[in-house]
């Protein structure tokens, strides 16, 4: 499998290092927060990007003919557990998707280096990663949009938890969806290549 291992570089090494580095930073941040209790002092904040207004202030100096807009940002100085949970859910799903996606990609590359690129296992792992990115990115964005909309509705009287507020927080994950679809396509190609390789080996 030496040739297969060479084909997977430098991607395999980069993904392995990125995954390890990310896990180290997350673990260190979690330990630091628990030891110092800083997790309880975090403000719950949300910006209402659907509401903008022009401002004129000396601190902002636009070019001639340009104007400056302000976007309100609401913060709860002493948020309760629910507000902190909503604030965390506004970003946590994407972080978990990134970590789990890197883990599945690392597992895919390690397995392909060990078992070979054109194998049924590699095609299955590639298909799993594709579905994970496709479905996971949509689910993560739905959860984050709902959490942000609920947090905004809790922090301001000018916004309610409605479909319109949810849509203003919704950002379609185009790149992740296209990447997932591409991986599913390559999984089928890999599976077809595996069948052809097995047929050739049977003939020889």
C-alpha atoms as a PDB file:
ATOM      1  CA  UNK A   1       0.000   0.000   0.000  1.00  0.00           C
ATOM      2  CA  UNK A   2       3.024   2.296  -0.300  1.00  0.00           C
ATOM      3  CA  UNK A   3       1.800   3.897  -3.525  1.00  0.00           C
ATOM      4  CA  UNK A   4      -1.640   4.543  -2.035  1.00  0.00           C
ATOM      5  CA  UNK A   5      -0.040   6.119   1.030  1.00  0.00           C
ATOM      6  CA  UNK A   6       2.042   8.412  -1.185  1.00  0.00           C
ATOM      7  CA  UNK A   7      -1.046   9.497  -3.134  1.00  0.00           C
ATOM      8  CA  UNK A   8      -2.736  10.612   0.084  1.00  0.00           C
ATOM      9  CA  UNK A   9       0.081  12.949   1.105  1.00  0.00           C
ATOM     10  CA  UNK A  10       0.359  15.736   2.150  1.00  0.00           C
ATOM     11  CA  UNK A  11      -3.385  15.718   2.886  1.00  0.00           C
ATOM     12  CA  UNK A  12      -3.178  12.901   5.436  1.00  0.00           C
ATOM     13  CA  UNK A  13      -0.437  14.623   7.442  1.00  0.00           C
ATOM     14  CA  UNK A  14      -2.123  18.046   7.342  1.00  0.00           C
ATOM     15  CA  UNK A  15      -5.487  16.651   8.496  1.00  0.00           C
ATOM     16  CA  UNK A  16      -3.844  14.655  11.286  1.00  0.00           C
ATOM     17  CA  UNK A  17      -1.955  17.705  12.576  1.00  0.00           C
ATOM     18  CA  UNK A  18      -5.023  19.953  12.275  1.00  0.00           C
ATOM     19  CA  UNK A  19      -7.190  17.508  14.206  1.00  0.00           C
ATOM     20  CA  UNK A  20      -4.647  17.077  16.996  1.00  0.00           C
ATOM     21  CA  UNK A  21      -4.016  20.826  17.264  1.00  0.00           C
ATOM     22  CA  UNK A  22      -7.728  21.620  17.389  1.00  0.00           C
ATOM     23  CA  UNK A  23      -8.359  19.028  20.085  1.00  0.00           C
ATOM     24  CA  UNK A  24      -5.445  20.343  22.178  1.00  0.00           C
ATOM     25  CA  UNK A  25      -6.728  23.937  22.010  1.00  0.00           C
ATOM     26  CA  UNK A  26     -10.299  22.912  22.800  1.00  0.00           C
ATOM     27  CA  UNK A  27      -9.198  20.779  25.740  1.00  0.00           C
ATOM     28  CA  UNK A  28      -6.954  23.548  27.082  1.00  0.00           C
ATOM     29  CA  UNK A  29      -9.764  26.095  26.731  1.00  0.00           C
ATOM     30  CA  UNK A  30     -12.235  23.834  28.502  1.00  0.00           C
ATOM     31  CA  UNK A  31      -9.840  23.119  31.375  1.00  0.00           C
ATOM     32  CA  UNK A  32      -9.025  26.836  31.713  1.00  0.00           C
ATOM     33  CA  UNK A  33     -12.721  27.742  31.800  1.00  0.00           C
ATOM     34  CA  UNK A  34     -13.513  25.123  34.433  1.00  0.00           C
ATOM     35  CA  UNK A  35     -10.553  26.044  36.660  1.00  0.00           C
ATOM     36  CA  UNK A  36     -11.149  29.791  36.536  1.00  0.00           C
ATOM     37  CA  UNK A  37     -14.933  29.564  36.316  1.00  0.00           C
ATOM     38  CA  UNK A  38     -14.954  31.926  33.341  1.00  0.00           C
ATOM     39  CA  UNK A  39     -17.716  29.929  31.662  1.00  0.00           C
ATOM     40  CA  UNK A  40     -20.205  31.451  34.082  1.00  0.00           C
ATOM     41  CA  UNK A  41     -19.101  35.026  33.376  1.00  0.00           C
ATOM     42  CA  UNK A  42     -19.615  34.955  29.611  1.00  0.00           C
ATOM     43  CA  UNK A  43     -22.069  37.527  28.264  1.00  0.00           C
ATOM     44  CA  UNK A  44     -24.849  36.339  25.976  1.00  0.00           C
ATOM     45  CA  UNK A  45     -24.810  38.626  22.942  1.00  0.00           C
ATOM     46  CA  UNK A  46     -26.515  38.708  19.563  1.00  0.00           C
ATOM     47  CA  UNK A  47     -26.384  41.202  16.679  1.00  0.00           C
ATOM     48  CA  UNK A  48     -29.572  42.026  14.814  1.00  0.00           C
ATOM     49  CA  UNK A  49     -28.207  42.392  11.295  1.00  0.00           C
ATOM     50  CA  UNK A  50     -31.714  42.822   9.882  1.00  0.00           C
ATOM     51  CA  UNK A  51     -31.900  46.235  11.566  1.00  0.00           C
ATOM     52  CA  UNK A  52     -29.510  48.943  10.393  1.00  0.00           C
ATOM     53  CA  UNK A  53     -29.472  52.726  10.669  1.00  0.00           C
ATOM     54  CA  UNK A  54     -27.162  55.458   9.473  1.00  0.00           C
ATOM     55  CA  UNK A  55     -24.865  57.081  12.010  1.00  0.00           C
ATOM     56  CA  UNK A  56     -22.792  60.221  11.993  1.00  0.00           C
ATOM     57  CA  UNK A  57     -19.954  60.245  14.488  1.00  0.00           C
ATOM     58  CA  UNK A  58     -16.426  61.543  14.615  1.00  0.00           C
ATOM     59  CA  UNK A  59     -15.150  58.035  15.358  1.00  0.00           C
ATOM     60  CA  UNK A  60     -16.225  56.881  11.890  1.00  0.00           C
ATOM     61  CA  UNK A  61     -14.722  58.705   8.937  1.00  0.00           C
ATOM     62  CA  UNK A  62     -16.019  57.302   5.636  1.00  0.00           C
ATOM     63  CA  UNK A  63     -14.844  58.364   2.211  1.00  0.00           C
ATOM     64  CA  UNK A  64     -16.664  61.210   0.498  1.00  0.00           C
ATOM     65  CA  UNK A  65     -20.088  60.121  -0.700  1.00  0.00           C
ATOM     66  CA  UNK A  66     -20.183  57.111   1.642  1.00  0.00           C
ATOM     67  CA  UNK A  67     -22.256  56.532   4.759  1.00  0.00           C
ATOM     68  CA  UNK A  68     -21.829  54.480   7.915  1.00  0.00           C
ATOM     69  CA  UNK A  69     -24.505  52.073   9.142  1.00  0.00           C
ATOM     70  CA  UNK A  70     -24.888  50.777  12.669  1.00  0.00           C
ATOM     71  CA  UNK A  71     -26.091  47.303  13.586  1.00  0.00           C
ATOM     72  CA  UNK A  72     -27.560  46.898  17.100  1.00  0.00           C
ATOM     73  CA  UNK A  73     -25.899  44.293  19.303  1.00  0.00           C
ATOM     74  CA  UNK A  74     -27.787  43.169  22.385  1.00  0.00           C
ATOM     75  CA  UNK A  75     -26.007  41.680  25.391  1.00  0.00           C
ATOM     76  CA  UNK A  76     -27.193  40.279  28.711  1.00  0.00           C
ATOM     77  CA  UNK A  77     -24.643  41.222  31.351  1.00  0.00           C
ATOM     78  CA  UNK A  78     -25.817  38.549  33.791  1.00  0.00           C
ATOM     79  CA  UNK A  79     -27.407  35.899  31.590  1.00  0.00           C
ATOM     80  CA  UNK A  80     -29.210  32.950  33.109  1.00  0.00           C
ATOM     81  CA  UNK A  81     -28.594  29.342  32.124  1.00  0.00           C
ATOM     82  CA  UNK A  82     -31.108  29.453  29.265  1.00  0.00           C
ATOM     83  CA  UNK A  83     -29.554  32.534  27.658  1.00  0.00           C
ATOM     84  CA  UNK A  84     -26.058  31.058  27.961  1.00  0.00           C
ATOM     85  CA  UNK A  85     -27.313  27.829  26.391  1.00  0.00           C
ATOM     86  CA  UNK A  86     -28.873  29.713  23.469  1.00  0.00           C
ATOM     87  CA  UNK A  87     -25.666  31.709  23.051  1.00  0.00           C
ATOM     88  CA  UNK A  88     -23.562  28.534  22.963  1.00  0.00           C
ATOM     89  CA  UNK A  89     -25.959  26.821  20.539  1.00  0.00           C
ATOM     90  CA  UNK A  90     -25.425  29.724  18.172  1.00  0.00           C
ATOM     91  CA  UNK A  91     -21.874  28.497  17.451  1.00  0.00           C
ATOM     92  CA  UNK A  92     -21.353  25.075  19.045  1.00  0.00           C
ATOM     93  CA  UNK A  93     -22.966  22.906  16.307  1.00  0.00           C
ATOM     94  CA  UNK A  94     -20.586  24.243  13.645  1.00  0.00           C
ATOM     95  CA  UNK A  95     -17.615  23.587  15.918  1.00  0.00           C
ATOM     96  CA  UNK A  96     -18.759  20.027  16.588  1.00  0.00           C
ATOM     97  CA  UNK A  97     -19.345  19.508  12.863  1.00  0.00           C
ATOM     98  CA  UNK A  98     -15.807  20.710  12.120  1.00  0.00           C
ATOM     99  CA  UNK A  99     -14.225  18.407  14.712  1.00  0.00           C
ATOM    100  CA  UNK A 100     -16.290  15.372  13.723  1.00  0.00           C
ATOM    101  CA  UNK A 101     -15.704  16.065  10.020  1.00  0.00           C
ATOM    102  CA  UNK A 102     -11.948  16.239  10.578  1.00  0.00           C
ATOM    103  CA  UNK A 103     -12.118  12.999  12.572  1.00  0.00           C
ATOM    104  CA  UNK A 104     -14.009  11.187   9.785  1.00  0.00           C
ATOM    105  CA  UNK A 105     -11.614  12.590   7.166  1.00  0.00           C
ATOM    106  CA  UNK A 106      -8.633  11.470   9.265  1.00  0.00           C
ATOM    107  CA  UNK A 107     -10.191   8.014   9.621  1.00  0.00           C
ATOM    108  CA  UNK A 108     -10.815   7.897   5.868  1.00  0.00           C
ATOM    109  CA  UNK A 109      -7.242   8.818   4.972  1.00  0.00           C
ATOM    110  CA  UNK A 110      -5.705   6.478   7.534  1.00  0.00           C
ATOM    111  CA  UNK A 111      -7.910   3.619   6.364  1.00  0.00           C
ATOM    112  CA  UNK A 112      -7.145   4.301   2.703  1.00  0.00           C
ATOM    113  CA  UNK A 113      -3.409   4.338   3.447  1.00  0.00           C
ATOM    114  CA  UNK A 114      -3.705   1.021   5.278  1.00  0.00           C
ATOM    115  CA  UNK A 115      -6.269  -0.860   3.157  1.00  0.00           C
ATOM    116  CA  UNK A 116      -5.830   0.857  -0.198  1.00  0.00           C
ATOM    117  CA  UNK A 117      -7.655   3.600  -2.079  1.00  0.00           C
ATOM    118  CA  UNK A 118      -9.802   1.356  -4.263  1.00  0.00           C
ATOM    119  CA  UNK A 119     -11.474  -0.774  -1.601  1.00  0.00           C
ATOM    120  CA  UNK A 120     -15.043  -1.212  -0.422  1.00  0.00           C
ATOM    121  CA  UNK A 121     -14.117   0.139   3.027  1.00  0.00           C
ATOM    122  CA  UNK A 122     -12.634   3.317   1.562  1.00  0.00           C
ATOM    123  CA  UNK A 123     -15.734   3.877  -0.565  1.00  0.00           C
ATOM    124  CA  UNK A 124     -17.955   3.348   2.496  1.00  0.00           C
ATOM    125  CA  UNK A 125     -15.928   5.784   4.599  1.00  0.00           C
ATOM    126  CA  UNK A 126     -16.023   8.324   1.771  1.00  0.00           C
ATOM    127  CA  UNK A 127     -19.795   7.961   1.508  1.00  0.00           C
ATOM    128  CA  UNK A 128     -20.163   8.351   5.295  1.00  0.00           C
ATOM    129  CA  UNK A 129     -18.142  11.579   5.254  1.00  0.00           C
ATOM    130  CA  UNK A 130     -20.236  12.893   2.369  1.00  0.00           C
ATOM    131  CA  UNK A 131     -23.533  12.236   4.118  1.00  0.00           C
ATOM    132  CA  UNK A 132     -22.135  13.629   7.389  1.00  0.00           C
ATOM    133  CA  UNK A 133     -21.196  16.934   5.752  1.00  0.00           C
ATOM    134  CA  UNK A 134     -24.391  17.136   3.708  1.00  0.00           C
ATOM    135  CA  UNK A 135     -26.857  16.421   6.514  1.00  0.00           C
ATOM    136  CA  UNK A 136     -24.710  17.696   9.386  1.00  0.00           C
ATOM    137  CA  UNK A 137     -24.170  21.139   7.863  1.00  0.00           C
ATOM    138  CA  UNK A 138     -27.914  21.608   7.327  1.00  0.00           C
ATOM    139  CA  UNK A 139     -28.789  20.402  10.837  1.00  0.00           C
ATOM    140  CA  UNK A 140     -26.073  22.563  12.421  1.00  0.00           C
ATOM    141  CA  UNK A 141     -27.235  25.663  10.578  1.00  0.00           C
ATOM    142  CA  UNK A 142     -30.880  25.024  11.505  1.00  0.00           C
ATOM    143  CA  UNK A 143     -29.978  24.650  15.196  1.00  0.00           C
ATOM    144  CA  UNK A 144     -27.792  27.767  15.174  1.00  0.00           C
ATOM    145  CA  UNK A 145     -30.390  29.874  13.374  1.00  0.00           C
ATOM    146  CA  UNK A 146     -33.101  28.815  15.842  1.00  0.00           C
ATOM    147  CA  UNK A 147     -30.836  29.510  18.822  1.00  0.00           C
ATOM    148  CA  UNK A 148     -29.874  32.962  17.499  1.00  0.00           C
ATOM    149  CA  UNK A 149     -33.487  33.858  16.729  1.00  0.00           C
ATOM    150  CA  UNK A 150     -34.605  32.735  20.191  1.00  0.00           C
ATOM    151  CA  UNK A 151     -31.767  34.665  21.850  1.00  0.00           C
ATOM    152  CA  UNK A 152     -32.596  37.824  19.901  1.00  0.00           C
ATOM    153  CA  UNK A 153     -36.271  37.511  20.844  1.00  0.00           C
ATOM    154  CA  UNK A 154     -35.269  37.157  24.511  1.00  0.00           C
ATOM    155  CA  UNK A 155     -32.950  40.187  24.515  1.00  0.00           C
ATOM    156  CA  UNK A 156     -35.041  42.746  22.615  1.00  0.00           C
ATOM    157  CA  UNK A 157     -38.672  43.800  22.479  1.00  0.00           C
ATOM    158  CA  UNK A 158     -38.451  44.677  18.781  1.00  0.00           C
ATOM    159  CA  UNK A 159     -38.060  41.080  17.581  1.00  0.00           C
ATOM    160  CA  UNK A 160     -40.147  37.979  18.116  1.00  0.00           C
ATOM    161  CA  UNK A 161     -39.265  34.330  17.632  1.00  0.00           C
ATOM    162  CA  UNK A 162     -40.880  34.036  14.207  1.00  0.00           C
ATOM    163  CA  UNK A 163     -40.074  32.526  10.826  1.00  0.00           C
ATOM    164  CA  UNK A 164     -38.932  35.932   9.613  1.00  0.00           C
ATOM    165  CA  UNK A 165     -36.462  36.288  12.464  1.00  0.00           C
ATOM    166  CA  UNK A 166     -35.255  32.730  11.873  1.00  0.00           C
ATOM    167  CA  UNK A 167     -34.706  33.407   8.161  1.00  0.00           C
ATOM    168  CA  UNK A 168     -32.698  36.531   8.974  1.00  0.00           C
ATOM    169  CA  UNK A 169     -30.329  34.337  11.010  1.00  0.00           C
ATOM    170  CA  UNK A 170     -30.234  31.493   8.475  1.00  0.00           C
ATOM    171  CA  UNK A 171     -27.144  31.184   6.285  1.00  0.00           C
ATOM    172  CA  UNK A 172     -27.398  28.305   3.794  1.00  0.00           C
ATOM    173  CA  UNK A 173     -24.203  26.167   3.975  1.00  0.00           C
ATOM    174  CA  UNK A 174     -23.677  26.077   0.208  1.00  0.00           C
ATOM    175  CA  UNK A 175     -20.022  25.003   0.306  1.00  0.00           C
ATOM    176  CA  UNK A 176     -20.558  22.190   2.810  1.00  0.00           C
ATOM    177  CA  UNK A 177     -23.568  20.876   0.875  1.00  0.00           C
ATOM    178  CA  UNK A 178     -21.696  20.932  -2.442  1.00  0.00           C
ATOM    179  CA  UNK A 179     -18.676  19.270  -0.808  1.00  0.00           C
ATOM    180  CA  UNK A 180     -20.910  16.555   0.639  1.00  0.00           C
ATOM    181  CA  UNK A 181     -22.525  15.927  -2.741  1.00  0.00           C
ATOM    182  CA  UNK A 182     -19.085  15.796  -4.354  1.00  0.00           C
ATOM    183  CA  UNK A 183     -17.879  13.231  -1.807  1.00  0.00           C
ATOM    184  CA  UNK A 184     -20.941  11.061  -2.464  1.00  0.00           C
ATOM    185  CA  UNK A 185     -20.153  11.194  -6.174  1.00  0.00           C
ATOM    186  CA  UNK A 186     -16.515  10.235  -5.596  1.00  0.00           C
ATOM    187  CA  UNK A 187     -17.685   7.429  -3.313  1.00  0.00           C
ATOM    188  CA  UNK A 188     -19.641   5.944  -6.214  1.00  0.00           C
ATOM    189  CA  UNK A 189     -16.631   6.394  -8.500  1.00  0.00           C
ATOM    190  CA  UNK A 190     -14.365   4.691  -5.966  1.00  0.00           C
ATOM    191  CA  UNK A 191     -16.856   1.834  -5.568  1.00  0.00           C
ATOM    192  CA  UNK A 192     -16.992   1.394  -9.356  1.00  0.00           C
ATOM    193  CA  UNK A 193     -13.191   1.463  -9.530  1.00  0.00           C
ATOM    194  CA  UNK A 194     -13.058  -1.187  -6.821  1.00  0.00           C
ATOM    195  CA  UNK A 195     -15.386  -3.457  -8.788  1.00  0.00           C
ATOM    196  CA  UNK A 196     -13.339  -2.984 -11.945  1.00  0.00           C
ATOM    197  CA  UNK A 197     -10.117  -3.739 -10.055  1.00  0.00           C
ATOM    198  CA  UNK A 198     -11.585  -6.904  -8.590  1.00  0.00           C
ATOM    199  CA  UNK A 199     -12.774  -8.018 -12.045  1.00  0.00           C
ATOM    200  CA  UNK A 200      -9.314  -7.417 -13.523  1.00  0.00           C
ATOM    201  CA  UNK A 201      -7.643  -9.313 -10.703  1.00  0.00           C
ATOM    202  CA  UNK A 202     -10.066 -12.183 -11.276  1.00  0.00           C
ATOM    203  CA  UNK A 203      -9.214 -12.274 -14.992  1.00  0.00           C
ATOM    204  CA  UNK A 204      -5.475 -12.200 -14.340  1.00  0.00           C
END
